Amino acid sequence: MPKEHQAQPDDPEQSKAFIEKAREIDADEEHSPADELMKRLASKKPQPHKPGK
């Protein structure tokens, strides 16, 4: 039975640098272009698979 992967604790310095950089570029936790893209992709029906291609 495989061992469960345990997450490493966050590096406080790296977390702080990440947050500061996000603030510099005005990143918004509430809304992002990636969220909109994921919503559009999730709402599309998959195209049927065509055998032989």
PDB file of N, CA and C in Angstrom:
ATOM      1  N   MET A   1       0.844  -1.175   0.000  1.00  0.00           N
ATOM      2  CA  MET A   1       0.000   0.000   0.000  1.00  0.00           C
ATOM      3  C   MET A   1       0.897   1.248   0.000  1.00  0.00           C
ATOM      4  N   PRO A   2       0.691   2.162  -0.961  1.00  0.00           N
ATOM      5  CA  PRO A   2       1.564   3.338  -1.034  1.00  0.00           C
ATOM      6  C   PRO A   2       1.324   4.299   0.125  1.00  0.00           C
ATOM      7  N   LYS A   3       2.415   4.953   0.516  1.00  0.00           N
ATOM      8  CA  LYS A   3       2.315   5.952   1.584  1.00  0.00           C
ATOM      9  C   LYS A   3       1.625   7.196   1.053  1.00  0.00           C
ATOM     10  N   GLU A   4       0.867   7.824   1.911  1.00  0.00           N
ATOM     11  CA  GLU A   4       0.220   9.071   1.535  1.00  0.00           C
ATOM     12  C   GLU A   4       1.249  10.185   1.545  1.00  0.00           C
ATOM     13  N   HIS A   5       1.195  11.042   0.515  1.00  0.00           N
ATOM     14  CA  HIS A   5       2.127  12.165   0.426  1.00  0.00           C
ATOM     15  C   HIS A   5       1.716  13.234   1.430  1.00  0.00           C
ATOM     16  N   GLN A   6       2.645  13.633   2.258  1.00  0.00           N
ATOM     17  CA  GLN A   6       2.350  14.702   3.218  1.00  0.00           C
ATOM     18  C   GLN A   6       2.968  15.989   2.711  1.00  0.00           C
ATOM     19  N   ALA A   7       2.175  17.046   2.725  1.00  0.00           N
ATOM     20  CA  ALA A   7       2.631  18.338   2.229  1.00  0.00           C
ATOM     21  C   ALA A   7       3.708  18.905   3.144  1.00  0.00           C
ATOM     22  N   GLN A   8       4.680  19.524   2.514  1.00  0.00           N
ATOM     23  CA  GLN A   8       5.731  20.202   3.264  1.00  0.00           C
ATOM     24  C   GLN A   8       5.169  21.505   3.823  1.00  0.00           C
ATOM     25  N   PRO A   9       5.610  21.919   4.983  1.00  0.00           N
ATOM     26  CA  PRO A   9       5.141  23.209   5.501  1.00  0.00           C
ATOM     27  C   PRO A   9       5.636  24.350   4.612  1.00  0.00           C
ATOM     28  N   ASP A  10       4.826  25.396   4.514  1.00  0.00           N
ATOM     29  CA  ASP A  10       5.202  26.547   3.693  1.00  0.00           C
ATOM     30  C   ASP A  10       6.412  27.247   4.275  1.00  0.00           C
ATOM     31  N   ASP A  11       7.251  27.749   3.368  1.00  0.00           N
ATOM     32  CA  ASP A  11       8.392  28.564   3.756  1.00  0.00           C
ATOM     33  C   ASP A  11       7.860  29.982   3.982  1.00  0.00           C
ATOM     34  N   PRO A  12       7.894  30.495   5.199  1.00  0.00           N
ATOM     35  CA  PRO A  12       7.326  31.819   5.480  1.00  0.00           C
ATOM     36  C   PRO A  12       7.923  32.929   4.613  1.00  0.00           C
ATOM     37  N   GLU A  13       9.222  32.883   4.346  1.00  0.00           N
ATOM     38  CA  GLU A  13       9.849  33.914   3.514  1.00  0.00           C
ATOM     39  C   GLU A  13       9.324  33.854   2.079  1.00  0.00           C
ATOM     40  N   GLN A  14       9.200  32.638   1.550  1.00  0.00           N
ATOM     41  CA  GLN A  14       8.712  32.474   0.187  1.00  0.00           C
ATOM     42  C   GLN A  14       7.242  32.910   0.107  1.00  0.00           C
ATOM     43  N   SER A  15       6.444  32.556   1.102  1.00  0.00           N
ATOM     44  CA  SER A  15       5.041  32.964   1.123  1.00  0.00           C
ATOM     45  C   SER A  15       4.917  34.476   1.150  1.00  0.00           C
ATOM     46  N   LYS A  16       5.728  35.126   1.970  1.00  0.00           N
ATOM     47  CA  LYS A  16       5.691  36.585   2.072  1.00  0.00           C
ATOM     48  C   LYS A  16       6.076  37.223   0.737  1.00  0.00           C
ATOM     49  N   ALA A  17       7.128  36.698   0.087  1.00  0.00           N
ATOM     50  CA  ALA A  17       7.563  37.231  -1.202  1.00  0.00           C
ATOM     51  C   ALA A  17       6.469  37.050  -2.254  1.00  0.00           C
ATOM     52  N   PHE A  18       5.803  35.916  -2.231  1.00  0.00           N
ATOM     53  CA  PHE A  18       4.721  35.648  -3.180  1.00  0.00           C
ATOM     54  C   PHE A  18       3.579  36.640  -2.987  1.00  0.00           C
ATOM     55  N   ILE A  19       3.179  36.862  -1.748  1.00  0.00           N
ATOM     56  CA  ILE A  19       2.089  37.788  -1.441  1.00  0.00           C
ATOM     57  C   ILE A  19       2.458  39.211  -1.846  1.00  0.00           C
ATOM     58  N   GLU A  20       3.685  39.616  -1.555  1.00  0.00           N
ATOM     59  CA  GLU A  20       4.122  40.964  -1.930  1.00  0.00           C
ATOM     60  C   GLU A  20       4.102  41.154  -3.445  1.00  0.00           C
ATOM     61  N   LYS A  21       4.576  40.156  -4.181  1.00  0.00           N
ATOM     62  CA  LYS A  21       4.593  40.241  -5.645  1.00  0.00           C
ATOM     63  C   LYS A  21       3.163  40.283  -6.181  1.00  0.00           C
ATOM     64  N   ALA A  22       2.278  39.506  -5.610  1.00  0.00           N
ATOM     65  CA  ALA A  22       0.874  39.513  -6.032  1.00  0.00           C
ATOM     66  C   ALA A  22       0.255  40.887  -5.810  1.00  0.00           C
ATOM     67  N   ARG A  23       0.586  41.510  -4.715  1.00  0.00           N
ATOM     68  CA  ARG A  23       0.069  42.861  -4.451  1.00  0.00           C
ATOM     69  C   ARG A  23       0.641  43.874  -5.439  1.00  0.00           C
ATOM     70  N   GLU A  24       1.909  43.710  -5.803  1.00  0.00           N
ATOM     71  CA  GLU A  24       2.548  44.619  -6.770  1.00  0.00           C
ATOM     72  C   GLU A  24       1.825  44.609  -8.108  1.00  0.00           C
ATOM     73  N   ILE A  25       1.399  43.443  -8.528  1.00  0.00           N
ATOM     74  CA  ILE A  25       0.749  43.341  -9.839  1.00  0.00           C
ATOM     75  C   ILE A  25      -0.772  43.415  -9.721  1.00  0.00           C
ATOM     76  N   ASP A  26      -1.252  43.822  -8.557  1.00  0.00           N
ATOM     77  CA  ASP A  26      -2.689  43.977  -8.311  1.00  0.00           C
ATOM     78  C   ASP A  26      -3.475  42.696  -8.559  1.00  0.00           C
ATOM     79  N   ALA A  27      -2.919  41.582  -8.129  1.00  0.00           N
ATOM     80  CA  ALA A  27      -3.640  40.322  -8.251  1.00  0.00           C
ATOM     81  C   ALA A  27      -4.867  40.378  -7.350  1.00  0.00           C
ATOM     82  N   ASP A  28      -5.948  39.807  -7.818  1.00  0.00           N
ATOM     83  CA  ASP A  28      -7.210  39.851  -7.104  1.00  0.00           C
ATOM     84  C   ASP A  28      -7.618  38.427  -6.745  1.00  0.00           C
ATOM     85  N   GLU A  29      -7.814  38.170  -5.479  1.00  0.00           N
ATOM     86  CA  GLU A  29      -8.193  36.836  -5.049  1.00  0.00           C
ATOM     87  C   GLU A  29      -9.632  36.494  -5.435  1.00  0.00           C
ATOM     88  N   GLU A  30     -10.454  37.496  -5.626  1.00  0.00           N
ATOM     89  CA  GLU A  30     -11.868  37.281  -5.886  1.00  0.00           C
ATOM     90  C   GLU A  30     -12.154  36.904  -7.341  1.00  0.00           C
ATOM     91  N   HIS A  31     -11.400  37.460  -8.285  1.00  0.00           N
ATOM     92  CA  HIS A  31     -11.739  37.298  -9.689  1.00  0.00           C
ATOM     93  C   HIS A  31     -10.455  37.283 -10.521  1.00  0.00           C
ATOM     94  N   SER A  32     -10.330  36.324 -11.396  1.00  0.00           N
ATOM     95  CA  SER A  32      -9.154  36.299 -12.258  1.00  0.00           C
ATOM     96  C   SER A  32      -9.543  35.842 -13.657  1.00  0.00           C
ATOM     97  N   PRO A  33      -8.784  36.227 -14.653  1.00  0.00           N
ATOM     98  CA  PRO A  33      -9.063  35.758 -16.020  1.00  0.00           C
ATOM     99  C   PRO A  33      -9.028  34.230 -16.116  1.00  0.00           C
ATOM    100  N   ALA A  34      -8.200  33.593 -15.314  1.00  0.00           N
ATOM    101  CA  ALA A  34      -8.129  32.128 -15.341  1.00  0.00           C
ATOM    102  C   ALA A  34      -9.450  31.522 -14.874  1.00  0.00           C
ATOM    103  N   ASP A  35     -10.091  32.143 -13.887  1.00  0.00           N
ATOM    104  CA  ASP A  35     -11.391  31.656 -13.419  1.00  0.00           C
ATOM    105  C   ASP A  35     -12.417  31.713 -14.540  1.00  0.00           C
ATOM    106  N   GLU A  36     -12.429  32.817 -15.279  1.00  0.00           N
ATOM    107  CA  GLU A  36     -13.369  32.978 -16.384  1.00  0.00           C
ATOM    108  C   GLU A  36     -13.111  31.918 -17.458  1.00  0.00           C
ATOM    109  N   LEU A  37     -11.848  31.675 -17.771  1.00  0.00           N
ATOM    110  CA  LEU A  37     -11.498  30.671 -18.767  1.00  0.00           C
ATOM    111  C   LEU A  37     -11.971  29.288 -18.322  1.00  0.00           C
ATOM    112  N   MET A  38     -11.745  28.949 -17.065  1.00  0.00           N
ATOM    113  CA  MET A  38     -12.159  27.641 -16.557  1.00  0.00           C
ATOM    114  C   MET A  38     -13.674  27.483 -16.624  1.00  0.00           C
ATOM    115  N   LYS A  39     -14.416  28.539 -16.322  1.00  0.00           N
ATOM    116  CA  LYS A  39     -15.884  28.478 -16.406  1.00  0.00           C
ATOM    117  C   LYS A  39     -16.323  28.217 -17.844  1.00  0.00           C
ATOM    118  N   ARG A  40     -15.697  28.920 -18.794  1.00  0.00           N
ATOM    119  CA  ARG A  40     -16.064  28.723 -20.201  1.00  0.00           C
ATOM    120  C   ARG A  40     -15.731  27.310 -20.665  1.00  0.00           C
ATOM    121  N   LEU A  41     -14.558  26.814 -20.283  1.00  0.00           N
ATOM    122  CA  LEU A  41     -14.163  25.469 -20.705  1.00  0.00           C
ATOM    123  C   LEU A  41     -15.052  24.410 -20.073  1.00  0.00           C
ATOM    124  N   ALA A  42     -15.412  24.604 -18.822  1.00  0.00           N
ATOM    125  CA  ALA A  42     -16.239  23.628 -18.124  1.00  0.00           C
ATOM    126  C   ALA A  42     -17.659  23.591 -18.682  1.00  0.00           C
ATOM    127  N   SER A  43     -18.114  24.695 -19.249  1.00  0.00           N
ATOM    128  CA  SER A  43     -19.484  24.733 -19.761  1.00  0.00           C
ATOM    129  C   SER A  43     -19.605  24.158 -21.165  1.00  0.00           C
ATOM    130  N   LYS A  44     -18.484  23.968 -21.858  1.00  0.00           N
ATOM    131  CA  LYS A  44     -18.524  23.409 -23.216  1.00  0.00           C
ATOM    132  C   LYS A  44     -18.687  21.896 -23.153  1.00  0.00           C
ATOM    133  N   LYS A  45     -19.493  21.379 -24.062  1.00  0.00           N
ATOM    134  CA  LYS A  45     -19.640  19.929 -24.157  1.00  0.00           C
ATOM    135  C   LYS A  45     -18.450  19.376 -24.935  1.00  0.00           C
ATOM    136  N   PRO A  46     -17.932  18.240 -24.524  1.00  0.00           N
ATOM    137  CA  PRO A  46     -16.802  17.661 -25.265  1.00  0.00           C
ATOM    138  C   PRO A  46     -17.234  17.239 -26.662  1.00  0.00           C
ATOM    139  N   GLN A  47     -16.320  17.383 -27.596  1.00  0.00           N
ATOM    140  CA  GLN A  47     -16.616  16.956 -28.968  1.00  0.00           C
ATOM    141  C   GLN A  47     -16.565  15.431 -29.015  1.00  0.00           C
ATOM    142  N   PRO A  48     -17.443  14.835 -29.810  1.00  0.00           N
ATOM    143  CA  PRO A  48     -17.432  13.363 -29.891  1.00  0.00           C
ATOM    144  C   PRO A  48     -16.135  12.851 -30.489  1.00  0.00           C
ATOM    145  N   HIS A  49     -15.712  11.720 -30.014  1.00  0.00           N
ATOM    146  CA  HIS A  49     -14.482  11.086 -30.515  1.00  0.00           C
ATOM    147  C   HIS A  49     -14.781  10.418 -31.852  1.00  0.00           C
ATOM    148  N   LYS A  50     -13.944  10.683 -32.841  1.00  0.00           N
ATOM    149  CA  LYS A  50     -14.109  10.081 -34.154  1.00  0.00           C
ATOM    150  C   LYS A  50     -13.070   8.970 -34.308  1.00  0.00           C
ATOM    151  N   PRO A  51     -13.505   7.729 -34.419  1.00  0.00           N
ATOM    152  CA  PRO A  51     -12.550   6.619 -34.560  1.00  0.00           C
ATOM    153  C   PRO A  51     -11.704   6.774 -35.829  1.00  0.00           C
ATOM    154  N   GLY A  52     -10.465   6.388 -35.735  1.00  0.00           N
ATOM    155  CA  GLY A  52      -9.579   6.408 -36.883  1.00  0.00           C
ATOM    156  C   GLY A  52      -8.807   7.703 -37.049  1.00  0.00           C
ATOM    157  N   LYS A  53      -8.998   8.644 -36.175  1.00  0.00           N
ATOM    158  CA  LYS A  53      -8.253   9.905 -36.290  1.00  0.00           C
ATOM    159  C   LYS A  53      -7.340  10.071 -35.127  1.00  0.00           C
TER     160      LYS A  53
END
